[in-house]
Protein backbone atom coordinates (compact mmCIF):
# COMPACT_ATOMS: atom_id res chain seq x y z
CA MET A 1 -1.62 21.29 -10.89
CA ASN A 2 -1.32 17.58 -11.61
CA SER A 3 -3.93 15.33 -10.13
CA ILE A 4 -2.74 12.28 -8.24
CA LEU A 5 -5.16 10.04 -10.13
CA SER A 6 -4.17 10.56 -13.74
CA PRO A 7 -6.07 8.73 -16.50
CA THR A 8 -3.17 6.34 -17.08
CA LEU A 9 -3.01 5.51 -13.37
CA VAL A 10 -6.73 4.80 -13.29
CA ARG A 11 -6.36 2.50 -16.31
CA GLN A 12 -3.56 0.61 -14.54
CA LEU A 13 -5.46 0.07 -11.27
CA PRO A 14 -7.04 -3.20 -12.54
CA LEU A 15 -3.52 -4.56 -13.12
CA ALA A 16 -2.72 -4.03 -9.45
CA ILE A 17 -5.98 -5.69 -8.42
CA VAL A 18 -5.49 -8.71 -10.68
CA SER A 19 -1.89 -9.12 -9.58
CA GLY A 20 -2.93 -9.00 -5.92
CA VAL A 21 -5.52 -11.71 -6.49
CA LEU A 22 -2.99 -13.89 -8.35
CA ILE A 23 -0.44 -13.50 -5.56
CA THR A 24 -3.05 -14.51 -2.98
CA TYR A 25 -4.16 -17.48 -5.05
CA LEU A 26 -0.60 -18.69 -5.52
CA GLY A 27 0.07 -18.19 -1.80
CA CYS A 28 -2.93 -20.36 -0.97
CA LYS A 29 -1.94 -23.14 -3.38
CA SER A 30 1.84 -23.12 -2.98
CA GLU A 31 3.89 -25.41 -0.78
CA GLY A 32 6.52 -22.75 -0.10
CA VAL A 33 6.80 -19.00 0.00
CA HIS A 34 9.34 -18.64 -2.80
CA TYR A 35 7.03 -18.65 -5.82
CA PRO A 36 4.46 -16.22 -4.37
CA PHE A 37 7.23 -13.81 -3.34
CA LEU A 38 8.91 -14.09 -6.74
CA LEU A 39 5.61 -13.32 -8.43
CA ASN A 40 5.03 -10.48 -5.99
CA MET A 41 8.42 -8.93 -6.76
CA LEU A 42 7.95 -9.26 -10.53
CA PHE A 43 4.48 -7.72 -10.46
CA SER A 44 5.63 -4.95 -8.12
CA ILE A 45 8.63 -4.07 -10.27
CA GLY A 46 6.29 -3.96 -13.25
CA LEU A 47 3.87 -1.65 -11.46
CA GLY A 48 6.72 0.64 -10.48
CA TRP A 49 7.97 0.60 -14.06
CA LEU A 50 4.52 1.58 -15.36
CA GLN A 51 4.20 4.47 -12.91
CA PRO A 52 7.68 5.62 -11.88
CA ARG A 53 6.41 8.62 -9.90
CA ARG A 54 3.14 7.23 -8.56
CA GLY A 55 3.91 3.53 -8.32
CA TRP A 56 3.30 3.65 -4.58
CA ILE A 57 -0.42 4.10 -5.27
CA LEU A 58 -0.49 0.92 -7.35
CA ALA A 59 1.57 -0.85 -4.69
CA LEU A 60 -0.91 0.16 -1.97
CA VAL A 61 -3.82 -1.06 -4.12
CA GLN A 62 -2.00 -4.36 -4.60
CA ILE A 63 -1.37 -4.70 -0.84
CA LEU A 64 -5.00 -3.93 -0.01
CA THR A 65 -6.10 -6.46 -2.63
CA ILE A 66 -3.85 -9.14 -1.15
CA PHE A 67 -5.15 -8.49 2.36
CA SER A 68 -8.81 -8.36 1.33
CA SER A 69 -8.67 -11.39 -0.98
CA TYR A 70 -6.86 -13.41 1.71
CA ALA A 71 -9.50 -12.42 4.25
CA LEU A 72 -12.22 -13.39 1.78
CA VAL A 73 -10.62 -16.77 1.09
CA VAL A 74 -10.16 -17.50 4.80
CA SER A 75 -13.70 -16.46 5.74
CA THR A 76 -15.44 -18.33 2.92
CA ASN A 77 -12.92 -21.13 2.24
CA THR A 78 -13.71 -20.90 -1.46
CA ILE A 79 -10.53 -22.33 -3.00
CA GLY A 80 -9.33 -24.55 -0.18
CA ILE A 81 -6.05 -23.47 1.34
CA GLU A 82 -3.57 -26.34 1.08
CA HIS A 83 -0.95 -24.89 3.43
CA PRO A 84 -2.53 -22.32 5.76
CA ASP A 85 0.78 -21.32 7.35
CA VAL A 86 2.31 -20.48 3.95
CA ALA A 87 -0.78 -18.56 2.86
CA GLU A 88 -0.83 -16.54 6.06
CA PHE A 89 2.89 -15.79 5.84
CA VAL A 90 2.59 -14.67 2.21
CA ALA A 91 -0.41 -12.48 2.94
CA TYR A 92 0.98 -10.74 6.00
CA LEU A 93 4.49 -10.23 4.66
CA ALA A 94 3.28 -8.99 1.24
CA PRO A 95 3.84 -5.26 1.89
CA VAL A 96 7.62 -5.67 2.10
CA PRO A 97 8.32 -7.03 -1.41
CA THR A 98 5.46 -5.03 -2.88
CA LEU A 99 6.74 -1.65 -1.73
CA ALA A 100 10.39 -2.55 -2.37
CA GLY A 101 9.64 -3.86 -5.87
CA SER A 102 7.54 -0.85 -6.78
CA PHE A 103 10.30 1.47 -5.64
CA MET A 104 12.92 -0.46 -7.59
CA GLY A 105 10.82 -0.53 -10.77
CA GLY A 106 10.25 3.21 -10.63
CA PHE A 107 13.89 3.87 -9.80
CA LEU A 108 15.14 1.74 -12.68
CA LYS A 109 12.86 3.40 -15.21
CA ARG A 110 13.77 6.90 -14.04
CA ALA A 111 17.49 6.03 -13.93
CA PHE A 112 17.72 4.51 -17.39
CA LEU A 113 14.94 6.07 -19.47
CA ASP A 114 14.35 9.55 -18.08
């Protein structure tokens, strides 16, 4: 039986963590929500492309990273949020483009390469 956590999935978990931190950082420094959501969609499509069958695991890790890094930034005020309303909107709405992008990346790879 195949394990859910394959060695390639474990090697790709840091990509999901780094992408979640970058999305949070861009959300805290951006004046609008368009760039963080664009970056979120691109990273999510890439994660789905890397793991077409188990991309949802990477997407959940990315969502948890976005939530936890946003909570860390808000509680410690380490980087200085320039637009708190934009940062909050990006953090709380992150699951929608993350899950949709991961699904689309996996679907596209399975549709065209499998």
